[in-house]
Structure formats: structure tokens, C-alpha cells
């Protein structure tokens, strides 16, 4: 399954049962929203790896959870879906808006093979500093380059390079993130700091 080969989900061996991760996600979703320490403790058990200063705001939904690897200082807003039959790698300083879906599971194009219950998965990689807006869907096998921004509601069907803004369905590059952008936002930050 993790290697990208066809598998039958109804015939997974007991030690690979997705209900373990799903039940842990369900427990996380039932914790009082104010108890972030408990949520983070359970998330650390759920994910395959989790860096420092990571918080995924419940509710969250996973297939396994153990195939999700998250770098430092990353945040996911509520109601994100992670179908992790293949690895999902999320870098450092990543922001996921509400209702983001990272979907590694997919099905054969041939209907005959598909109806026999065979499926497969392709990994997703989200680079450092990426921001996925609300409702973004990332399809199987996609890599999003570092510092890229994907606008709300976009459906990412192909790899995106680093340092761009992408929008639409299917997502397409709108423009590059430039030095002018950096200077603009650093100037606004400097103004903010002087007002504090």
C-alpha cells in the first residue's frame, strides 16, 4: 500500500487496520478544545512523526495517521482530512486552512479493476513555509514547493514549484512570490512592531 502498488483495503492485515488511527483521531476530536496539551499529546501518538510547536486543531480526520510526518512549527485549522494510505510529508512552518484535504488514496481508471476493490496510493509532499488556504484539495502524488501559497478552494492536481501563488480548479500558477512582496510585508511588520 505504502509503495504505491495495488491493494485491497478489505484485506489489510489486522496490524495495518486503519481503525486504530481513526479511533485515536476520534478521541482527539472529543477532547475539550481548551485542553491543547491533551490534544497535542494524542496527536503525537497519532502521527508518524511530529516536530516541535505543531498543533492541528480538531476536528481532524485520518485514514491511518501513522503515515503523516510533520515538521516544526506547523498548524492546521479545523476539519482537515488526511487520507494517508501513502505517506504525507508536511514541512516546517506550514499553515493549513480549515477544511484542507490531503488525499493520497486513489483508484484504477479501469472500472473492472476498480469494482473488484483494488486501489492504490501516491505520496504527497508539502514543502517548508507553504500556506494552503481554506478548502484546498491536494490530489495523490502531488509535491508543493517551499513557500508556495495555494488559494482557497483550489484543487491541486499537479506539482507546484516553490515561491508561487496558485489558484483555481485545477490549480494553476497565478504569479511568483517576489522580493517586492517580501519588502511590502516586512515594512508592514515593522510598522506593527512600532505600534506595540
Protein backbone atom coordinates (compact mmCIF):
# COMPACT_ATOMS: atom_id res chain seq x y z
CA UNK A 1 0.00 0.00 0.00
CA UNK A 2 2.68 2.49 1.03
CA UNK A 3 4.80 1.57 -2.02
CA UNK A 4 2.10 2.69 -4.46
CA UNK A 5 1.09 -0.81 -5.59
CA UNK A 6 -2.49 -2.02 -5.90
CA UNK A 7 -4.05 -3.37 -2.73
CA UNK A 8 -7.46 -4.42 -1.47
CA UNK A 9 -8.47 -2.33 1.56
CA UNK A 10 -10.84 -5.02 2.83
CA UNK A 11 -7.95 -7.49 3.06
CA UNK A 12 -5.48 -5.46 5.11
CA UNK A 13 -3.79 -7.43 7.85
CA UNK A 14 -5.04 -6.67 11.39
CA UNK A 15 -1.83 -4.84 12.37
CA UNK A 16 -2.45 -2.42 9.49
CA UNK A 17 -6.07 -1.73 10.38
CA UNK A 18 -6.92 1.96 9.83
CA UNK A 19 -9.42 1.87 12.70
CA UNK A 20 -6.54 2.36 15.17
CA UNK A 21 -5.74 5.80 13.73
CA UNK A 22 -9.36 6.68 13.13
CA UNK A 23 -10.25 5.89 16.74
CA UNK A 24 -7.34 7.99 18.01
CA UNK A 25 -8.47 10.89 15.79
CA UNK A 26 -11.97 10.43 17.19
CA UNK A 27 -10.56 10.67 20.74
CA UNK A 28 -8.72 13.87 19.80
CA UNK A 29 -11.95 15.30 18.39
CA UNK A 30 -13.72 14.67 21.71
CA UNK A 31 -11.15 16.45 23.89
CA UNK A 32 -12.21 19.85 25.25
CA UNK A 33 -10.93 22.43 22.76
CA UNK A 34 -9.27 24.34 25.61
CA UNK A 35 -7.09 21.38 26.58
CA UNK A 36 -4.41 21.91 23.93
CA UNK A 37 -1.84 19.95 25.94
CA UNK A 38 -4.02 16.80 25.83
CA UNK A 39 -4.78 17.33 22.13
CA UNK A 40 -1.08 17.67 21.32
CA UNK A 41 -0.22 14.61 23.43
CA UNK A 42 -2.72 12.49 21.48
CA UNK A 43 -1.62 13.97 18.14
CA UNK A 44 1.96 12.97 18.95
CA UNK A 45 0.68 9.37 19.31
CA UNK A 46 -1.38 9.60 16.11
CA UNK A 47 1.18 10.91 13.62
CA UNK A 48 4.19 9.01 12.29
CA UNK A 49 6.40 11.95 13.29
CA UNK A 50 5.61 15.38 14.70
CA UNK A 51 8.06 18.22 15.19
CA UNK A 52 8.06 20.91 17.86
CA UNK A 53 5.33 23.57 18.13
CA UNK A 54 2.83 21.67 15.99
CA UNK A 55 -0.92 21.96 16.52
CA UNK A 56 -3.66 20.51 14.36
CA UNK A 57 -6.94 21.95 15.58
CA UNK A 58 -9.74 19.40 15.95
CA UNK A 59 -11.73 18.01 14.43
CA UNK A 60 -9.22 16.14 12.30
CA UNK A 61 -9.84 13.08 10.13
CA UNK A 62 -7.27 10.47 9.06
CA UNK A 63 -7.10 7.07 7.45
CA UNK A 64 -4.13 5.83 9.46
CA UNK A 65 -2.37 8.86 10.96
CA UNK A 66 0.88 6.92 11.22
CA UNK A 67 1.78 7.78 7.61
CA UNK A 68 1.74 11.53 8.33
CA UNK A 69 5.08 13.22 9.05
CA UNK A 70 5.07 16.86 10.19
CA UNK A 71 7.97 19.28 10.64
CA UNK A 72 8.34 22.02 13.25
CA UNK A 73 6.05 25.00 13.79
CA UNK A 74 3.20 23.79 11.58
CA UNK A 75 -0.52 24.42 12.08
CA UNK A 76 -3.73 23.01 10.65
CA UNK A 77 -7.07 24.69 11.25
CA UNK A 78 -10.22 22.70 11.98
CA UNK A 79 -11.78 19.94 9.94
CA UNK A 80 -8.79 18.88 7.84
CA UNK A 81 -8.81 15.46 6.17
CA UNK A 82 -5.67 13.35 5.69
CA UNK A 83 -6.21 10.15 3.69
CA UNK A 84 -2.76 8.75 4.36
CA UNK A 85 -2.67 5.33 2.71
CA UNK A 86 0.65 6.61 1.30
CA UNK A 87 3.00 8.98 3.15
CA UNK A 88 2.05 12.61 3.68
CA UNK A 89 5.10 14.74 4.43
CA UNK A 90 4.44 18.24 5.76
CA UNK A 91 7.46 20.51 6.16
CA UNK A 92 8.34 23.16 8.72
CA UNK A 93 6.31 26.37 9.12
CA UNK A 94 3.33 25.06 7.12
CA UNK A 95 -0.16 26.55 7.52
CA UNK A 96 -3.27 24.59 6.51
CA UNK A 97 -6.59 26.44 6.44
CA UNK A 98 -9.86 24.89 7.57
CA UNK A 99 -11.25 22.01 5.51
CA UNK A 100 -7.97 21.29 3.69
CA UNK A 101 -7.87 17.76 2.26
CA UNK A 102 -4.64 15.87 1.55
CA UNK A 103 -5.72 12.76 -0.35
CA UNK A 104 -3.15 10.06 -1.17
CA UNK A 105 -5.73 7.34 -1.89
CA UNK A 106 -6.80 6.78 -5.48
CA UNK A 107 -8.38 4.16 -7.71
CA UNK A 108 -7.63 2.49 -11.05
CA UNK A 109 -9.02 4.12 -14.19
CA UNK A 110 -10.30 0.75 -15.44
CA UNK A 111 -13.77 0.16 -13.97
CA UNK A 112 -13.36 -3.62 -13.96
CA UNK A 113 -10.29 -3.46 -11.74
CA UNK A 114 -11.83 -0.70 -9.62
CA UNK A 115 -15.06 -2.60 -8.84
CA UNK A 116 -13.01 -5.58 -7.68
CA UNK A 117 -11.97 -3.41 -4.73
CA UNK A 118 -8.41 -2.60 -5.76
CA UNK A 119 -6.95 0.81 -5.01
CA UNK A 120 -3.55 2.41 -4.55
CA UNK A 121 -1.93 5.47 -3.04
CA UNK A 122 0.62 8.07 -4.07
CA UNK A 123 2.55 10.24 -1.57
CA UNK A 124 2.00 13.96 -1.00
CA UNK A 125 4.82 16.32 -0.04
CA UNK A 126 4.21 19.84 1.27
CA UNK A 127 7.38 21.98 1.38
CA UNK A 128 8.56 24.30 4.16
CA UNK A 129 6.64 27.54 4.58
CA UNK A 130 3.67 26.51 2.40
CA UNK A 131 0.24 28.04 3.08
CA UNK A 132 -2.84 26.16 1.85
CA UNK A 133 -5.97 28.30 2.05
CA UNK A 134 -9.37 27.11 3.26
CA UNK A 135 -10.84 24.17 1.39
CA UNK A 136 -7.77 23.34 -0.70
CA UNK A 137 -7.71 19.76 -2.01
CA UNK A 138 -4.34 18.18 -2.82
CA UNK A 139 -4.57 15.08 -5.02
CA UNK A 140 -2.43 11.92 -4.84
CA UNK A 141 1.20 12.16 -5.90
CA UNK A 142 1.48 15.96 -5.66
CA UNK A 143 4.50 17.89 -4.36
CA UNK A 144 4.12 21.57 -3.44
CA UNK A 145 7.37 23.54 -3.37
CA UNK A 146 8.60 25.60 -0.42
CA UNK A 147 6.89 28.89 0.45
CA UNK A 148 4.13 28.44 -2.14
CA UNK A 149 0.65 29.77 -1.41
CA UNK A 150 -2.44 27.94 -2.70
CA UNK A 151 -5.65 30.00 -2.72
CA UNK A 152 -8.85 28.89 -1.03
CA UNK A 153 -10.86 26.23 -2.81
CA UNK A 154 -8.09 25.26 -5.24
CA UNK A 155 -7.73 21.66 -6.38
CA UNK A 156 -4.06 20.77 -6.80
CA UNK A 157 -3.74 18.01 -9.39
CA UNK A 158 -0.08 18.52 -10.40
CA UNK A 159 3.17 19.54 -8.70
CA UNK A 160 3.63 23.23 -7.91
CA UNK A 161 7.06 24.90 -7.82
CA UNK A 162 8.46 26.86 -4.90
CA UNK A 163 7.67 30.54 -4.32
CA UNK A 164 4.46 30.90 -6.33
CA UNK A 165 0.81 31.72 -5.73
CA UNK A 166 -1.56 29.17 -7.29
CA UNK A 167 -5.36 29.29 -7.57
CA UNK A 168 -8.25 27.54 -9.27
CA UNK A 169 -9.55 24.15 -10.27
CA UNK A 170 -7.29 22.68 -11.40
CA UNK A 171 -4.76 24.86 -9.59
CA UNK A 172 -2.54 26.92 -11.85
CA UNK A 173 0.28 29.31 -11.07
CA UNK A 174 -1.07 32.87 -10.88
CA UNK A 175 2.28 34.55 -10.25
CA UNK A 176 5.61 34.29 -8.46
CA UNK A 177 6.15 35.50 -4.91
CA UNK A 178 8.65 38.35 -5.35
CA UNK A 179 11.16 40.44 -3.42
CA UNK A 180 8.62 43.30 -3.64
CA UNK A 181 6.16 41.12 -1.74
CA UNK A 182 8.75 40.43 0.94
CA UNK A 183 9.65 44.12 1.31
CA UNK A 184 5.98 45.13 1.46
CA UNK A 185 5.15 42.70 4.24
CA UNK A 186 8.34 43.33 6.19
CA UNK A 187 7.56 47.08 6.13
CA UNK A 188 4.05 46.41 7.44
CA UNK A 189 5.51 44.18 10.15
CA UNK A 190 7.93 46.94 11.15
CA UNK A 191 5.02 49.40 11.46
CA UNK A 192 3.15 46.88 13.56
CA UNK A 193 6.15 46.40 15.88
CA UNK A 194 6.44 50.16 16.48
CA UNK A 195 2.75 50.34 17.43
CA UNK A 196 3.01 47.68 20.14
